[in-house]
């Protein structure tokens, strides 16, 4: 059985881009990426020779930070904002999953009781 040698390129966390390639794609100087590394915002992989390698996921993160910096935020606050955005997105996804599980449990309960599923009011936002 042979594996596709290009399959790792589909992985958004696979480090394939050099610093200069990443900087060109983002439209920034390499020094910007080095500053994100030294401040702990990004943790690029290192090649056996010690060169930084960036993944698509890391480039998305760097682009988000750059937008915040361009908007006038300091690097530390940009890092906190990105983390809070990620935490919020995860919490929203968890809440949606919990609602889906609740609704499925209600349908199962109603079926066990021999009743037709009860209509649920449409979701209107925060609960």
PDB file of N, CA and C in Angstrom:
ATOM      1  N   UNK A   1       0.847  -1.180   0.000  1.00  0.00           N
ATOM      2  CA  UNK A   1       0.000   0.000   0.000  1.00  0.00           C
ATOM      3  C   UNK A   1       0.889   1.240   0.000  1.00  0.00           C
ATOM      4  N   UNK A   2       0.676   2.120  -0.935  1.00  0.00           N
ATOM      5  CA  UNK A   2       1.491   3.336  -1.004  1.00  0.00           C
ATOM      6  C   UNK A   2       0.694   4.514  -0.474  1.00  0.00           C
ATOM      7  N   UNK A   3       1.399   5.426   0.148  1.00  0.00           N
ATOM      8  CA  UNK A   3       0.747   6.636   0.647  1.00  0.00           C
ATOM      9  C   UNK A   3       1.092   7.796  -0.271  1.00  0.00           C
ATOM     10  N   UNK A   4       0.202   8.751  -0.312  1.00  0.00           N
ATOM     11  CA  UNK A   4       0.380   9.925  -1.153  1.00  0.00           C
ATOM     12  C   UNK A   4       1.434  10.829  -0.520  1.00  0.00           C
ATOM     13  N   UNK A   5       2.556  11.081  -1.177  1.00  0.00           N
ATOM     14  CA  UNK A   5       3.595  11.930  -0.580  1.00  0.00           C
ATOM     15  C   UNK A   5       3.172  13.384  -0.413  1.00  0.00           C
ATOM     16  N   UNK A   6       2.104  13.785  -1.093  1.00  0.00           N
ATOM     17  CA  UNK A   6       1.628  15.162  -0.993  1.00  0.00           C
ATOM     18  C   UNK A   6       0.563  15.332   0.076  1.00  0.00           C
ATOM     19  N   UNK A   7       0.126  14.243   0.701  1.00  0.00           N
ATOM     20  CA  UNK A   7      -0.934  14.312   1.695  1.00  0.00           C
ATOM     21  C   UNK A   7      -0.623  15.287   2.831  1.00  0.00           C
ATOM     22  N   UNK A   8       0.616  15.367   3.333  1.00  0.00           N
ATOM     23  CA  UNK A   8       0.880  16.334   4.402  1.00  0.00           C
ATOM     24  C   UNK A   8       0.565  17.783   4.015  1.00  0.00           C
ATOM     25  N   UNK A   9       0.575  18.087   2.728  1.00  0.00           N
ATOM     26  CA  UNK A   9       0.282  19.462   2.294  1.00  0.00           C
ATOM     27  C   UNK A   9      -1.164  19.847   2.574  1.00  0.00           C
ATOM     28  N   UNK A  10      -2.040  18.850   2.727  1.00  0.00           N
ATOM     29  CA  UNK A  10      -3.441  19.120   3.051  1.00  0.00           C
ATOM     30  C   UNK A  10      -3.637  19.453   4.516  1.00  0.00           C
ATOM     31  N   UNK A  11      -2.660  19.147   5.337  1.00  0.00           N
ATOM     32  CA  UNK A  11      -2.747  19.381   6.786  1.00  0.00           C
ATOM     33  C   UNK A  11      -2.409  20.845   7.072  1.00  0.00           C
ATOM     34  N   UNK A  12      -3.380  21.610   7.652  1.00  0.00           N
ATOM     35  CA  UNK A  12      -3.112  23.037   7.912  1.00  0.00           C
ATOM     36  C   UNK A  12      -2.029  23.277   8.961  1.00  0.00           C
ATOM     37  N   UNK A  13      -1.645  22.235   9.695  1.00  0.00           N
ATOM     38  CA  UNK A  13      -0.603  22.389  10.708  1.00  0.00           C
ATOM     39  C   UNK A  13       0.761  21.889  10.236  1.00  0.00           C
ATOM     40  N   UNK A  14       0.840  21.436   9.002  1.00  0.00           N
ATOM     41  CA  UNK A  14       2.113  20.933   8.470  1.00  0.00           C
ATOM     42  C   UNK A  14       3.005  22.109   8.072  1.00  0.00           C
ATOM     43  N   UNK A  15       4.206  22.192   8.631  1.00  0.00           N
ATOM     44  CA  UNK A  15       5.099  23.328   8.331  1.00  0.00           C
ATOM     45  C   UNK A  15       5.800  23.158   6.991  1.00  0.00           C
ATOM     46  N   UNK A  16       5.358  23.916   6.007  1.00  0.00           N
ATOM     47  CA  UNK A  16       5.940  23.774   4.676  1.00  0.00           C
ATOM     48  C   UNK A  16       6.559  25.063   4.144  1.00  0.00           C
ATOM     49  N   UNK A  17       6.217  26.190   4.724  1.00  0.00           N
ATOM     50  CA  UNK A  17       6.675  27.463   4.169  1.00  0.00           C
ATOM     51  C   UNK A  17       7.882  28.007   4.920  1.00  0.00           C
ATOM     52  N   UNK A  18       8.851  28.473   4.163  1.00  0.00           N
ATOM     53  CA  UNK A  18      10.003  29.138   4.768  1.00  0.00           C
ATOM     54  C   UNK A  18       9.583  30.515   5.258  1.00  0.00           C
ATOM     55  N   UNK A  19      10.442  31.136   6.014  1.00  0.00           N
ATOM     56  CA  UNK A  19      10.130  32.467   6.521  1.00  0.00           C
ATOM     57  C   UNK A  19       9.908  33.450   5.374  1.00  0.00           C
ATOM     58  N   UNK A  20      10.754  33.408   4.357  1.00  0.00           N
ATOM     59  CA  UNK A  20      10.587  34.366   3.254  1.00  0.00           C
ATOM     60  C   UNK A  20       9.305  34.093   2.484  1.00  0.00           C
ATOM     61  N   UNK A  21       8.933  32.831   2.300  1.00  0.00           N
ATOM     62  CA  UNK A  21       7.677  32.512   1.626  1.00  0.00           C
ATOM     63  C   UNK A  21       6.487  33.007   2.454  1.00  0.00           C
ATOM     64  N   UNK A  22       6.544  32.762   3.759  1.00  0.00           N
ATOM     65  CA  UNK A  22       5.461  33.192   4.643  1.00  0.00           C
ATOM     66  C   UNK A  22       5.345  34.712   4.649  1.00  0.00           C
ATOM     67  N   UNK A  23       6.475  35.402   4.730  1.00  0.00           N
ATOM     68  CA  UNK A  23       6.462  36.867   4.735  1.00  0.00           C
ATOM     69  C   UNK A  23       5.894  37.406   3.426  1.00  0.00           C
ATOM     70  N   UNK A  24       6.274  36.811   2.308  1.00  0.00           N
ATOM     71  CA  UNK A  24       5.750  37.246   1.008  1.00  0.00           C
ATOM     72  C   UNK A  24       4.235  37.053   0.937  1.00  0.00           C
ATOM     73  N   UNK A  25       3.758  35.899   1.390  1.00  0.00           N
ATOM     74  CA  UNK A  25       2.314  35.634   1.351  1.00  0.00           C
ATOM     75  C   UNK A  25       1.524  36.610   2.219  1.00  0.00           C
ATOM     76  N   UNK A  26       2.094  36.980   3.359  1.00  0.00           N
ATOM     77  CA  UNK A  26       1.411  37.892   4.279  1.00  0.00           C
ATOM     78  C   UNK A  26       1.636  39.360   3.936  1.00  0.00           C
ATOM     79  N   UNK A  27       2.609  39.634   3.102  1.00  0.00           N
ATOM     80  CA  UNK A  27       2.922  41.020   2.769  1.00  0.00           C
ATOM     81  C   UNK A  27       3.614  41.739   3.906  1.00  0.00           C
ATOM     82  N   UNK A  28       4.460  41.019   4.641  1.00  0.00           N
ATOM     83  CA  UNK A  28       5.181  41.597   5.776  1.00  0.00           C
ATOM     84  C   UNK A  28       6.672  41.339   5.610  1.00  0.00           C
ATOM     85  N   UNK A  29       7.443  41.977   6.456  1.00  0.00           N
ATOM     86  CA  UNK A  29       8.881  41.718   6.508  1.00  0.00           C
ATOM     87  C   UNK A  29       9.133  40.471   7.371  1.00  0.00           C
ATOM     88  N   UNK A  30      10.235  39.801   7.102  1.00  0.00           N
ATOM     89  CA  UNK A  30      10.598  38.634   7.903  1.00  0.00           C
ATOM     90  C   UNK A  30      10.750  39.011   9.379  1.00  0.00           C
ATOM     91  N   UNK A  31      11.157  40.245   9.644  1.00  0.00           N
ATOM     92  CA  UNK A  31      11.319  40.703  11.025  1.00  0.00           C
ATOM     93  C   UNK A  31      10.004  40.639  11.797  1.00  0.00           C
ATOM     94  N   UNK A  32       8.878  40.858  11.111  1.00  0.00           N
ATOM     95  CA  UNK A  32       7.571  40.748  11.761  1.00  0.00           C
ATOM     96  C   UNK A  32       7.354  39.324  12.258  1.00  0.00           C
ATOM     97  N   UNK A  33       7.647  38.351  11.426  1.00  0.00           N
ATOM     98  CA  UNK A  33       7.481  36.952  11.832  1.00  0.00           C
ATOM     99  C   UNK A  33       8.439  36.585  12.952  1.00  0.00           C
ATOM    100  N   UNK A  34       9.672  37.104  12.867  1.00  0.00           N
ATOM    101  CA  UNK A  34      10.621  36.841  13.964  1.00  0.00           C
ATOM    102  C   UNK A  34      10.115  37.433  15.273  1.00  0.00           C
ATOM    103  N   UNK A  35       9.489  38.618  15.206  1.00  0.00           N
ATOM    104  CA  UNK A  35       8.983  39.246  16.431  1.00  0.00           C
ATOM    105  C   UNK A  35       7.823  38.447  17.016  1.00  0.00           C
ATOM    106  N   UNK A  36       6.995  37.851  16.158  1.00  0.00           N
ATOM    107  CA  UNK A  36       5.910  37.009  16.662  1.00  0.00           C
ATOM    108  C   UNK A  36       6.466  35.752  17.328  1.00  0.00           C
ATOM    109  N   UNK A  37       7.556  35.255  16.791  1.00  0.00           N
ATOM    110  CA  UNK A  37       8.216  34.085  17.385  1.00  0.00           C
ATOM    111  C   UNK A  37       8.837  34.455  18.729  1.00  0.00           C
ATOM    112  N   UNK A  38       9.576  35.546  18.777  1.00  0.00           N
ATOM    113  CA  UNK A  38      10.269  35.913  20.025  1.00  0.00           C
ATOM    114  C   UNK A  38       9.301  36.326  21.124  1.00  0.00           C
ATOM    115  N   UNK A  39       8.116  36.829  20.744  1.00  0.00           N
ATOM    116  CA  UNK A  39       7.127  37.225  21.748  1.00  0.00           C
ATOM    117  C   UNK A  39       6.245  36.053  22.180  1.00  0.00           C
ATOM    118  N   UNK A  40       6.374  34.917  21.509  1.00  0.00           N
ATOM    119  CA  UNK A  40       5.594  33.747  21.883  1.00  0.00           C
ATOM    120  C   UNK A  40       4.233  33.656  21.227  1.00  0.00           C
ATOM    121  N   UNK A  41       3.930  34.559  20.302  1.00  0.00           N
ATOM    122  CA  UNK A  41       2.646  34.505  19.601  1.00  0.00           C
ATOM    123  C   UNK A  41       2.626  33.304  18.664  1.00  0.00           C
ATOM    124  N   UNK A  42       3.701  33.113  17.931  1.00  0.00           N
ATOM    125  CA  UNK A  42       3.860  31.970  17.029  1.00  0.00           C
ATOM    126  C   UNK A  42       5.003  31.097  17.507  1.00  0.00           C
ATOM    127  N   UNK A  43       4.881  29.829  17.224  1.00  0.00           N
ATOM    128  CA  UNK A  43       5.948  28.885  17.539  1.00  0.00           C
ATOM    129  C   UNK A  43       6.242  28.082  16.268  1.00  0.00           C
ATOM    130  N   UNK A  44       6.979  28.683  15.334  1.00  0.00           N
ATOM    131  CA  UNK A  44       7.229  27.976  14.077  1.00  0.00           C
ATOM    132  C   UNK A  44       8.071  26.727  14.311  1.00  0.00           C
ATOM    133  N   UNK A  45       7.855  25.767  13.450  1.00  0.00           N
ATOM    134  CA  UNK A  45       8.677  24.563  13.499  1.00  0.00           C
ATOM    135  C   UNK A  45      10.067  24.928  12.999  1.00  0.00           C
ATOM    136  N   UNK A  46      11.024  24.105  13.347  1.00  0.00           N
ATOM    137  CA  UNK A  46      12.400  24.342  12.884  1.00  0.00           C
ATOM    138  C   UNK A  46      12.853  23.181  12.024  1.00  0.00           C
ATOM    139  N   UNK A  47      13.510  23.515  10.934  1.00  0.00           N
ATOM    140  CA  UNK A  47      14.092  22.487  10.080  1.00  0.00           C
ATOM    141  C   UNK A  47      15.307  21.914  10.798  1.00  0.00           C
ATOM    142  N   UNK A  48      15.844  20.801  10.322  1.00  0.00           N
ATOM    143  CA  UNK A  48      17.069  20.261  10.946  1.00  0.00           C
ATOM    144  C   UNK A  48      18.207  21.283  10.982  1.00  0.00           C
ATOM    145  N   UNK A  49      18.205  22.217  10.045  1.00  0.00           N
ATOM    146  CA  UNK A  49      19.221  23.258  10.018  1.00  0.00           C
ATOM    147  C   UNK A  49      18.885  24.463  10.891  1.00  0.00           C
ATOM    148  N   UNK A  50      17.740  24.430  11.566  1.00  0.00           N
ATOM    149  CA  UNK A  50      17.354  25.511  12.459  1.00  0.00           C
ATOM    150  C   UNK A  50      16.523  26.613  11.822  1.00  0.00           C
ATOM    151  N   UNK A  51      16.151  26.433  10.549  1.00  0.00           N
ATOM    152  CA  UNK A  51      15.358  27.457   9.867  1.00  0.00           C
ATOM    153  C   UNK A  51      13.883  27.319  10.240  1.00  0.00           C
ATOM    154  N   UNK A  52      13.235  28.468  10.364  1.00  0.00           N
ATOM    155  CA  UNK A  52      11.811  28.462  10.710  1.00  0.00           C
ATOM    156  C   UNK A  52      10.983  27.964   9.531  1.00  0.00           C
ATOM    157  N   UNK A  53       9.972  27.160   9.856  1.00  0.00           N
ATOM    158  CA  UNK A  53       9.002  26.667   8.878  1.00  0.00           C
ATOM    159  C   UNK A  53       7.608  26.949   9.412  1.00  0.00           C
ATOM    160  N   UNK A  54       6.752  27.503   8.564  1.00  0.00           N
ATOM    161  CA  UNK A  54       5.415  27.925   8.965  1.00  0.00           C
ATOM    162  C   UNK A  54       4.341  27.080   8.305  1.00  0.00           C
ATOM    163  N   UNK A  55       3.272  26.849   9.042  1.00  0.00           N
ATOM    164  CA  UNK A  55       2.113  26.131   8.519  1.00  0.00           C
ATOM    165  C   UNK A  55       1.045  27.143   8.098  1.00  0.00           C
ATOM    166  N   UNK A  56       0.032  26.652   7.402  1.00  0.00           N
ATOM    167  CA  UNK A  56      -1.082  27.532   7.013  1.00  0.00           C
ATOM    168  C   UNK A  56      -1.796  28.058   8.251  1.00  0.00           C
ATOM    169  N   UNK A  57      -1.939  27.213   9.259  1.00  0.00           N
ATOM    170  CA  UNK A  57      -2.585  27.640  10.502  1.00  0.00           C
ATOM    171  C   UNK A  57      -1.814  28.804  11.133  1.00  0.00           C
ATOM    172  N   UNK A  58      -0.495  28.704  11.156  1.00  0.00           N
ATOM    173  CA  UNK A  58       0.327  29.772  11.725  1.00  0.00           C
ATOM    174  C   UNK A  58       0.219  31.050  10.902  1.00  0.00           C
ATOM    175  N   UNK A  59       0.108  30.918   9.582  1.00  0.00           N
ATOM    176  CA  UNK A  59      -0.043  32.109   8.743  1.00  0.00           C
ATOM    177  C   UNK A  59      -1.375  32.792   9.006  1.00  0.00           C
ATOM    178  N   UNK A  60      -2.440  32.007   9.215  1.00  0.00           N
ATOM    179  CA  UNK A  60      -3.736  32.617   9.540  1.00  0.00           C
ATOM    180  C   UNK A  60      -3.646  33.391  10.843  1.00  0.00           C
ATOM    181  N   UNK A  61      -2.975  32.811  11.830  1.00  0.00           N
ATOM    182  CA  UNK A  61      -2.804  33.477  13.117  1.00  0.00           C
ATOM    183  C   UNK A  61      -2.002  34.768  12.945  1.00  0.00           C
ATOM    184  N   UNK A  62      -0.908  34.706  12.204  1.00  0.00           N
ATOM    185  CA  UNK A  62      -0.084  35.892  11.976  1.00  0.00           C
ATOM    186  C   UNK A  62      -0.890  36.977  11.253  1.00  0.00           C
ATOM    187  N   UNK A  63      -1.722  36.578  10.298  1.00  0.00           N
ATOM    188  CA  UNK A  63      -2.540  37.554   9.575  1.00  0.00           C
ATOM    189  C   UNK A  63      -3.552  38.214  10.505  1.00  0.00           C
ATOM    190  N   UNK A  64      -4.146  37.436  11.409  1.00  0.00           N
ATOM    191  CA  UNK A  64      -5.105  38.009  12.366  1.00  0.00           C
ATOM    192  C   UNK A  64      -4.411  39.014  13.282  1.00  0.00           C
ATOM    193  N   UNK A  65      -3.225  38.663  13.743  1.00  0.00           N
ATOM    194  CA  UNK A  65      -2.469  39.568  14.613  1.00  0.00           C
ATOM    195  C   UNK A  65      -2.095  40.831  13.846  1.00  0.00           C
ATOM    196  N   UNK A  66      -1.697  40.666  12.601  1.00  0.00           N
ATOM    197  CA  UNK A  66      -1.309  41.833  11.804  1.00  0.00           C
ATOM    198  C   UNK A  66      -2.464  42.816  11.650  1.00  0.00           C
ATOM    199  N   UNK A  67      -3.668  42.313  11.404  1.00  0.00           N
ATOM    200  CA  UNK A  67      -4.840  43.184  11.271  1.00  0.00           C
ATOM    201  C   UNK A  67      -5.040  43.978  12.558  1.00  0.00           C
ATOM    202  N   UNK A  68      -4.907  43.327  13.696  1.00  0.00           N
ATOM    203  CA  UNK A  68      -5.080  44.020  14.975  1.00  0.00           C
ATOM    204  C   UNK A  68      -3.982  45.058  15.194  1.00  0.00           C
ATOM    205  N   UNK A  69      -2.761  44.723  14.835  1.00  0.00           N
ATOM    206  CA  UNK A  69      -1.666  45.690  14.961  1.00  0.00           C
ATOM    207  C   UNK A  69      -1.899  46.881  14.044  1.00  0.00           C
ATOM    208  N   UNK A  70      -2.365  46.608  12.825  1.00  0.00           N
ATOM    209  CA  UNK A  70      -2.666  47.698  11.886  1.00  0.00           C
ATOM    210  C   UNK A  70      -3.791  48.582  12.406  1.00  0.00           C
ATOM    211  N   UNK A  71      -4.676  48.011  13.220  1.00  0.00           N
ATOM    212  CA  UNK A  71      -5.776  48.776  13.823  1.00  0.00           C
ATOM    213  C   UNK A  71      -5.324  49.569  15.043  1.00  0.00           C
ATOM    214  N   UNK A  72      -4.057  49.435  15.422  1.00  0.00           N
ATOM    215  CA  UNK A  72      -3.518  50.230  16.516  1.00  0.00           C
ATOM    216  C   UNK A  72      -3.341  49.511  17.839  1.00  0.00           C
ATOM    217  N   UNK A  73      -3.610  48.217  17.875  1.00  0.00           N
ATOM    218  CA  UNK A  73      -3.420  47.470  19.121  1.00  0.00           C
ATOM    219  C   UNK A  73      -1.942  47.161  19.331  1.00  0.00           C
ATOM    220  N   UNK A  74      -1.549  47.080  20.574  1.00  0.00           N
ATOM    221  CA  UNK A  74      -0.207  46.622  20.913  1.00  0.00           C
ATOM    222  C   UNK A  74      -0.152  45.113  20.735  1.00  0.00           C
ATOM    223  N   UNK A  75       1.045  44.575  20.571  1.00  0.00           N
ATOM    224  CA  UNK A  75       1.201  43.148  20.340  1.00  0.00           C
ATOM    225  C   UNK A  75       0.587  42.323  21.467  1.00  0.00           C
ATOM    226  N   UNK A  76       0.816  42.731  22.709  1.00  0.00           N
ATOM    227  CA  UNK A  76       0.259  41.982  23.836  1.00  0.00           C
ATOM    228  C   UNK A  76      -1.257  41.957  23.824  1.00  0.00           C
ATOM    229  N   UNK A  77      -1.874  43.105  23.527  1.00  0.00           N
ATOM    230  CA  UNK A  77      -3.334  43.129  23.489  1.00  0.00           C
ATOM    231  C   UNK A  77      -3.853  42.363  22.268  1.00  0.00           C
ATOM    232  N   UNK A  78      -3.153  42.418  21.161  1.00  0.00           N
ATOM    233  CA  UNK A  78      -3.562  41.662  19.973  1.00  0.00           C
ATOM    234  C   UNK A  78      -3.543  40.167  20.271  1.00  0.00           C
ATOM    235  N   UNK A  79      -2.532  39.731  20.999  1.00  0.00           N
ATOM    236  CA  UNK A  79      -2.435  38.323  21.365  1.00  0.00           C
ATOM    237  C   UNK A  79      -3.621  37.918  22.249  1.00  0.00           C
ATOM    238  N   UNK A  80      -3.976  38.767  23.205  1.00  0.00           N
ATOM    239  CA  UNK A  80      -5.110  38.477  24.092  1.00  0.00           C
ATOM    240  C   UNK A  80      -6.416  38.473  23.296  1.00  0.00           C
ATOM    241  N   UNK A  81      -6.577  39.423  22.391  1.00  0.00           N
ATOM    242  CA  UNK A  81      -7.800  39.501  21.584  1.00  0.00           C
ATOM    243  C   UNK A  81      -7.968  38.243  20.745  1.00  0.00           C
ATOM    244  N   UNK A  82      -6.898  37.811  20.100  1.00  0.00           N
ATOM    245  CA  UNK A  82      -6.965  36.597  19.280  1.00  0.00           C
ATOM    246  C   UNK A  82      -7.335  35.393  20.150  1.00  0.00           C
ATOM    247  N   UNK A  83      -6.737  35.287  21.322  1.00  0.00           N
ATOM    248  CA  UNK A  83      -7.052  34.160  22.215  1.00  0.00           C
ATOM    249  C   UNK A  83      -8.513  34.222  22.660  1.00  0.00           C
ATOM    250  N   UNK A  84      -8.997  35.414  22.998  1.00  0.00           N
ATOM    251  CA  UNK A  84     -10.404  35.555  23.407  1.00  0.00           C
ATOM    252  C   UNK A  84     -11.352  35.234  22.252  1.00  0.00           C
ATOM    253  N   UNK A  85     -10.998  35.637  21.041  1.00  0.00           N
ATOM    254  CA  UNK A  85     -11.822  35.293  19.877  1.00  0.00           C
ATOM    255  C   UNK A  85     -11.889  33.787  19.691  1.00  0.00           C
ATOM    256  N   UNK A  86     -10.749  33.126  19.846  1.00  0.00           N
ATOM    257  CA  UNK A  86     -10.712  31.673  19.699  1.00  0.00           C
ATOM    258  C   UNK A  86     -11.509  30.991  20.811  1.00  0.00           C
ATOM    259  N   UNK A  87     -11.372  31.499  22.046  1.00  0.00           N
ATOM    260  CA  UNK A  87     -12.127  30.937  23.171  1.00  0.00           C
ATOM    261  C   UNK A  87     -13.627  31.102  22.950  1.00  0.00           C
ATOM    262  N   UNK A  88     -14.038  32.270  22.470  1.00  0.00           N
ATOM    263  CA  UNK A  88     -15.449  32.518  22.211  1.00  0.00           C
ATOM    264  C   UNK A  88     -15.984  31.592  21.119  1.00  0.00           C
ATOM    265  N   UNK A  89     -15.239  31.435  20.052  1.00  0.00           N
ATOM    266  CA  UNK A  89     -15.668  30.557  18.963  1.00  0.00           C
ATOM    267  C   UNK A  89     -15.822  29.124  19.473  1.00  0.00           C
ATOM    268  N   UNK A  90     -14.911  28.692  20.322  1.00  0.00           N
ATOM    269  CA  UNK A  90     -14.995  27.341  20.888  1.00  0.00           C
ATOM    270  C   UNK A  90     -16.216  27.210  21.804  1.00  0.00           C
ATOM    271  N   UNK A  91     -16.479  28.234  22.610  1.00  0.00           N
ATOM    272  CA  UNK A  91     -17.634  28.211  23.514  1.00  0.00           C
ATOM    273  C   UNK A  91     -18.939  28.197  22.725  1.00  0.00           C
ATOM    274  N   UNK A  92     -19.006  28.958  21.649  1.00  0.00           N
ATOM    275  CA  UNK A  92     -20.206  28.975  20.810  1.00  0.00           C
ATOM    276  C   UNK A  92     -20.424  27.592  20.184  1.00  0.00           C
ATOM    277  N   UNK A  93     -19.357  26.983  19.708  1.00  0.00           N
ATOM    278  CA  UNK A  93     -19.469  25.643  19.124  1.00  0.00           C
ATOM    279  C   UNK A  93     -19.896  24.623  20.180  1.00  0.00           C
ATOM    280  N   UNK A  94     -19.330  24.725  21.394  1.00  0.00           N
ATOM    281  CA  UNK A  94     -19.718  23.822  22.482  1.00  0.00           C
ATOM    282  C   UNK A  94     -21.193  23.995  22.838  1.00  0.00           C
ATOM    283  N   UNK A  95     -21.665  25.233  22.875  1.00  0.00           N
ATOM    284  CA  UNK A  95     -23.062  25.495  23.201  1.00  0.00           C
ATOM    285  C   UNK A  95     -23.984  24.924  22.118  1.00  0.00           C
ATOM    286  N   UNK A  96     -23.603  25.081  20.864  1.00  0.00           N
ATOM    287  CA  UNK A  96     -24.410  24.532  19.770  1.00  0.00           C
ATOM    288  C   UNK A  96     -24.462  23.011  19.862  1.00  0.00           C
ATOM    289  N   UNK A  97     -23.323  22.402  20.177  1.00  0.00           N
ATOM    290  CA  UNK A  97     -23.276  20.941  20.325  1.00  0.00           C
ATOM    291  C   UNK A  97     -24.157  20.502  21.488  1.00  0.00           C
ATOM    292  N   UNK A  98     -24.113  21.225  22.595  1.00  0.00           N
ATOM    293  CA  UNK A  98     -24.940  20.889  23.760  1.00  0.00           C
ATOM    294  C   UNK A  98     -26.424  21.019  23.419  1.00  0.00           C
ATOM    295  N   UNK A  99     -26.793  22.064  22.673  1.00  0.00           N
ATOM    296  CA  UNK A  99     -28.187  22.220  22.253  1.00  0.00           C
ATOM    297  C   UNK A  99     -28.620  21.070  21.359  1.00  0.00           C
ATOM    298  N   UNK A 100     -27.752  20.668  20.443  1.00  0.00           N
ATOM    299  CA  UNK A 100     -28.071  19.535  19.560  1.00  0.00           C
ATOM    300  C   UNK A 100     -28.274  18.261  20.365  1.00  0.00           C
ATOM    301  N   UNK A 101     -27.395  18.022  21.349  1.00  0.00           N
ATOM    302  CA  UNK A 101     -27.541  16.833  22.199  1.00  0.00           C
ATOM    303  C   UNK A 101     -28.837  16.894  23.003  1.00  0.00           C
ATOM    304  N   UNK A 102     -29.164  18.068  23.526  1.00  0.00           N
ATOM    305  CA  UNK A 102     -30.399  18.241  24.284  1.00  0.00           C
ATOM    306  C   UNK A 102     -31.603  17.946  23.406  1.00  0.00           C
ATOM    307  N   UNK A 103     -31.600  18.500  22.205  1.00  0.00           N
ATOM    308  CA  UNK A 103     -32.726  18.291  21.300  1.00  0.00           C
ATOM    309  C   UNK A 103     -32.855  16.822  20.910  1.00  0.00           C
ATOM    310  N   UNK A 104     -31.730  16.160  20.678  1.00  0.00           N
ATOM    311  CA  UNK A 104     -31.768  14.728  20.345  1.00  0.00           C
ATOM    312  C   UNK A 104     -32.301  13.923  21.525  1.00  0.00           C
ATOM    313  N   UNK A 105     -31.900  14.284  22.734  1.00  0.00           N
ATOM    314  CA  UNK A 105     -32.390  13.586  23.921  1.00  0.00           C
ATOM    315  C   UNK A 105     -33.893  13.790  24.082  1.00  0.00           C
ATOM    316  N   UNK A 106     -34.383  14.965  23.783  1.00  0.00           N
ATOM    317  CA  UNK A 106     -35.824  15.220  23.862  1.00  0.00           C
ATOM    318  C   UNK A 106     -36.584  14.375  22.847  1.00  0.00           C
ATOM    319  N   UNK A 107     -36.064  14.282  21.638  1.00  0.00           N
ATOM    320  CA  UNK A 107     -36.703  13.468  20.605  1.00  0.00           C
ATOM    321  C   UNK A 107     -36.718  12.010  21.042  1.00  0.00           C
ATOM    322  N   UNK A 108     -35.591  11.546  21.569  1.00  0.00           N
ATOM    323  CA  UNK A 108     -35.502  10.158  22.041  1.00  0.00           C
ATOM    324  C   UNK A 108     -36.480   9.919  23.196  1.00  0.00           C
ATOM    325  N   UNK A 109     -36.551  10.873  24.118  1.00  0.00           N
ATOM    326  CA  UNK A 109     -37.475  10.754  25.245  1.00  0.00           C
ATOM    327  C   UNK A 109     -38.908  10.688  24.760  1.00  0.00           C
ATOM    328  N   UNK A 110     -39.260  11.582  23.849  1.00  0.00           N
ATOM    329  CA  UNK A 110     -40.621  11.615  23.333  1.00  0.00           C
ATOM    330  C   UNK A 110     -40.956  10.327  22.583  1.00  0.00           C
ATOM    331  N   UNK A 111     -39.993   9.803  21.829  1.00  0.00           N
ATOM    332  CA  UNK A 111     -40.218   8.553  21.105  1.00  0.00           C
ATOM    333  C   UNK A 111     -40.428   7.406  22.087  1.00  0.00           C
ATOM    334  N   UNK A 112     -39.659   7.388  23.163  1.00  0.00           N
ATOM    335  CA  UNK A 112     -39.805   6.338  24.175  1.00  0.00           C
ATOM    336  C   UNK A 112     -41.161   6.427  24.866  1.00  0.00           C
ATOM    337  N   UNK A 113     -41.696   7.603  24.980  1.00  0.00           N
ATOM    338  CA  UNK A 113     -43.006   7.797  25.599  1.00  0.00           C
ATOM    339  C   UNK A 113     -44.142   7.563  24.600  1.00  0.00           C
ATOM    340  N   UNK A 114     -43.774   7.345  23.343  1.00  0.00           N
ATOM    341  CA  UNK A 114     -44.786   7.093  22.331  1.00  0.00           C
ATOM    342  C   UNK A 114     -45.468   8.335  21.821  1.00  0.00           C
ATOM    343  N   UNK A 115     -44.815   9.463  21.961  1.00  0.00           N
ATOM    344  CA  UNK A 115     -45.388  10.730  21.498  1.00  0.00           C
ATOM    345  C   UNK A 115     -44.621  11.226  20.286  1.00  0.00           C
ATOM    346  N   UNK A 116     -45.311  12.063  19.543  1.00  0.00           N
ATOM    347  CA  UNK A 116     -44.635  12.741  18.435  1.00  0.00           C
ATOM    348  C   UNK A 116     -43.663  13.748  19.029  1.00  0.00           C
ATOM    349  N   UNK A 117     -42.537  13.976  18.374  1.00  0.00           N
ATOM    350  CA  UNK A 117     -41.568  14.963  18.886  1.00  0.00           C
ATOM    351  C   UNK A 117     -42.223  16.329  19.045  1.00  0.00           C
ATOM    352  N   UNK A 118     -41.890  16.989  20.132  1.00  0.00           N
ATOM    353  CA  UNK A 118     -42.433  18.322  20.378  1.00  0.00           C
ATOM    354  C   UNK A 118     -41.665  19.331  19.547  1.00  0.00           C
ATOM    355  N   UNK A 119     -42.396  20.299  19.059  1.00  0.00           N
ATOM    356  CA  UNK A 119     -41.758  21.365  18.271  1.00  0.00           C
ATOM    357  C   UNK A 119     -40.957  22.247  19.195  1.00  0.00           C
ATOM    358  N   UNK A 120     -39.758  22.573  18.801  1.00  0.00           N
ATOM    359  CA  UNK A 120     -38.898  23.433  19.587  1.00  0.00           C
ATOM    360  C   UNK A 120     -38.967  24.841  19.027  1.00  0.00           C
ATOM    361  N   UNK A 121     -38.985  25.843  19.910  1.00  0.00           N
ATOM    362  CA  UNK A 121     -38.964  27.218  19.391  1.00  0.00           C
ATOM    363  C   UNK A 121     -37.647  27.483  18.679  1.00  0.00           C
ATOM    364  N   UNK A 122     -37.665  28.318  17.659  1.00  0.00           N
ATOM    365  CA  UNK A 122     -36.407  28.605  16.935  1.00  0.00           C
ATOM    366  C   UNK A 122     -35.407  29.270  17.850  1.00  0.00           C
ATOM    367  N   UNK A 123     -34.147  28.980  17.600  1.00  0.00           N
ATOM    368  CA  UNK A 123     -33.064  29.592  18.367  1.00  0.00           C
ATOM    369  C   UNK A 123     -32.970  31.050  17.974  1.00  0.00           C
ATOM    370  N   UNK A 124     -32.976  31.925  19.009  1.00  0.00           N
ATOM    371  CA  UNK A 124     -32.945  33.359  18.730  1.00  0.00           C
ATOM    372  C   UNK A 124     -31.692  34.024  19.240  1.00  0.00           C
ATOM    373  N   UNK A 125     -30.713  33.257  19.619  1.00  0.00           N
ATOM    374  CA  UNK A 125     -29.470  33.859  20.112  1.00  0.00           C
ATOM    375  C   UNK A 125     -29.088  33.251  21.432  1.00  0.00           C
ATOM    376  N   UNK A 126     -28.602  34.088  22.339  1.00  0.00           N
ATOM    377  CA  UNK A 126     -28.107  33.605  23.629  1.00  0.00           C
ATOM    378  C   UNK A 126     -29.256  33.055  24.457  1.00  0.00           C
ATOM    379  N   UNK A 127     -28.948  31.983  25.200  1.00  0.00           N
ATOM    380  CA  UNK A 127     -29.932  31.374  26.089  1.00  0.00           C
ATOM    381  C   UNK A 127     -29.427  31.361  27.493  1.00  0.00           C
TER     382      UNK A 127
END
